[in-house]
Amino acid sequence: MESKYAWIIGICLIIAGCTIGGGLADSGDYMDEGPRQVEISNESPIDVQVGSLEPKLLDEYSAMIYLGIGDEEMGLLKKAGSLPSITIKGYVYYPREALDKWLTENVGKTF
C-alpha cells in the first residue's frame, strides 16, 4: 500500500518539476526597452524600435495623476488657462509632451 502512494507522489513531483522548469525556460529576459535586432534573412539585420504603450493624450484624471496633483490644484490650473490642452468634440485632453514642456517652463511660478 505504501509503494502505491510513493508512486503517486513521485509522478506528481515529476509533473510539477516539468511544469515549473518549462515555465522558467520560457520566461527569458526579452522585455528590455530599446532597439532590437530582428533577423529577417541571413543577409542583414534590421533595427526595430519597440514603441511605448503610453498614450500621448491624457484625459483630465490621467493628467492629474501624471502631474501628481488633486482636483483642487487641477481646477486652479484650468482656471488660470495656462495648462496646455486640446479639445476634441467637447472633450479636453492634455498632450503628455506639452505638459512636460509646460512644467519645465513654469518651475518656480505660483498659481
Protein backbone atom coordinates (compact mmCIF):
# COMPACT_ATOMS: atom_id res chain seq x y z
CA MET A 1 0.00 0.00 0.00
CA GLU A 2 2.82 2.44 0.86
CA SER A 3 4.52 1.91 -2.51
CA LYS A 4 1.29 2.91 -4.27
CA TYR A 5 1.36 6.32 -2.56
CA ALA A 6 5.07 6.69 -3.26
CA TRP A 7 4.40 6.20 -6.99
CA ILE A 8 1.62 8.80 -6.97
CA ILE A 9 3.79 11.31 -5.12
CA GLY A 10 6.70 10.60 -7.48
CA ILE A 11 4.58 11.16 -10.58
CA CYS A 12 3.17 14.40 -9.13
CA LEU A 13 6.70 15.66 -8.41
CA ILE A 14 7.83 14.85 -11.95
CA ILE A 15 4.83 16.68 -13.46
CA ALA A 16 5.35 19.69 -11.18
CA GLY A 17 9.07 19.80 -11.99
CA CYS A 18 8.42 19.71 -15.75
CA THR A 19 5.76 22.40 -15.48
CA ILE A 20 7.93 24.72 -13.39
CA GLY A 21 11.03 24.04 -15.47
CA GLY A 22 9.19 24.74 -18.72
CA GLY A 23 7.79 27.97 -17.32
CA LEU A 24 11.22 29.19 -16.27
CA ALA A 25 12.73 28.28 -19.62
CA ASP A 26 10.06 30.33 -21.41
CA SER A 27 10.48 33.41 -19.20
CA GLY A 28 13.59 34.83 -20.86
CA ASP A 29 14.55 38.45 -20.35
CA TYR A 30 13.02 39.76 -23.57
CA MET A 31 11.13 42.76 -22.12
CA ASP A 32 14.08 45.17 -22.24
CA GLU A 33 13.28 48.54 -23.79
CA GLY A 34 15.17 49.95 -26.72
CA PRO A 35 16.05 48.93 -30.24
CA ARG A 36 16.28 45.26 -31.06
CA GLN A 37 17.84 43.45 -33.96
CA VAL A 38 15.48 41.10 -35.75
CA GLU A 39 16.94 38.69 -38.23
CA ILE A 40 14.74 38.59 -41.35
CA SER A 41 17.23 36.77 -43.53
CA ASN A 42 20.82 35.67 -43.31
CA GLU A 43 21.88 38.77 -45.25
CA SER A 44 21.30 41.73 -42.90
CA PRO A 45 19.64 42.50 -39.57
CA ILE A 46 17.32 45.49 -39.16
CA ASP A 47 16.68 47.69 -36.12
CA VAL A 48 13.19 47.61 -34.68
CA GLN A 49 12.10 50.30 -32.24
CA VAL A 50 9.62 48.97 -29.69
CA GLY A 51 7.08 51.78 -29.16
CA SER A 52 5.71 52.92 -25.87
CA LEU A 53 2.19 51.86 -24.97
CA GLU A 54 1.62 55.07 -23.02
CA PRO A 55 -0.90 57.38 -24.68
CA LYS A 56 0.25 60.76 -25.96
CA LEU A 57 -3.02 62.45 -24.94
CA LEU A 58 -4.23 62.27 -21.35
CA ASP A 59 -7.76 62.87 -20.09
CA GLU A 60 -8.18 65.13 -17.06
CA TYR A 61 -7.92 62.33 -14.49
CA SER A 62 -4.83 60.84 -16.14
CA ALA A 63 -3.24 64.30 -16.39
CA MET A 64 -3.80 64.85 -12.65
CA ILE A 65 -2.14 61.51 -11.88
CA TYR A 66 0.71 62.29 -14.30
CA LEU A 67 1.27 65.70 -12.69
CA GLY A 68 0.78 64.36 -9.17
CA ILE A 69 -1.94 66.88 -8.26
CA GLY A 70 -5.51 66.70 -6.99
CA ASP A 71 -8.86 68.12 -8.10
CA GLU A 72 -8.35 71.48 -6.41
CA GLU A 73 -4.95 72.09 -7.99
CA MET A 74 -6.22 70.98 -11.40
CA GLY A 75 -9.10 73.43 -11.07
CA LEU A 76 -6.67 76.28 -10.33
CA LEU A 77 -4.53 75.43 -13.36
CA LYS A 78 -7.57 75.16 -15.64
CA LYS A 79 -8.90 78.49 -14.33
CA ALA A 80 -5.54 80.15 -14.96
CA GLY A 81 -5.77 78.84 -18.53
CA SER A 82 -2.07 78.17 -18.82
CA LEU A 83 -2.19 74.37 -18.92
CA PRO A 84 -1.68 73.08 -22.49
CA SER A 85 -4.75 71.24 -23.74
CA ILE A 86 -6.56 70.07 -26.85
CA THR A 87 -10.36 69.89 -27.13
CA ILE A 88 -11.82 67.21 -29.38
CA LYS A 89 -15.62 67.00 -29.68
CA GLY A 90 -16.03 68.75 -26.35
CA TYR A 91 -13.56 66.51 -24.50
CA VAL A 92 -10.40 68.13 -23.13
CA TYR A 93 -7.12 66.24 -23.50
CA TYR A 94 -3.64 67.15 -22.29
CA PRO A 95 -0.65 66.23 -24.52
CA ARG A 96 1.98 64.47 -22.41
CA GLU A 97 4.95 66.16 -24.13
CA ALA A 98 3.33 69.62 -23.84
CA LEU A 99 2.78 69.01 -20.12
CA ASP A 100 6.46 68.14 -19.70
CA LYS A 101 7.49 71.31 -21.52
CA TRP A 102 4.96 73.39 -19.54
CA LEU A 103 6.34 72.03 -16.25
CA THR A 104 9.89 72.95 -17.22
CA GLU A 105 8.88 76.46 -18.28
CA ASN A 106 6.81 77.14 -15.14
CA VAL A 107 9.16 75.98 -12.39
CA GLY A 108 9.06 78.49 -9.56
CA LYS A 109 5.80 80.15 -10.60
CA THR A 110 2.78 80.43 -8.30
CA PHE A 111 -0.76 79.77 -9.46
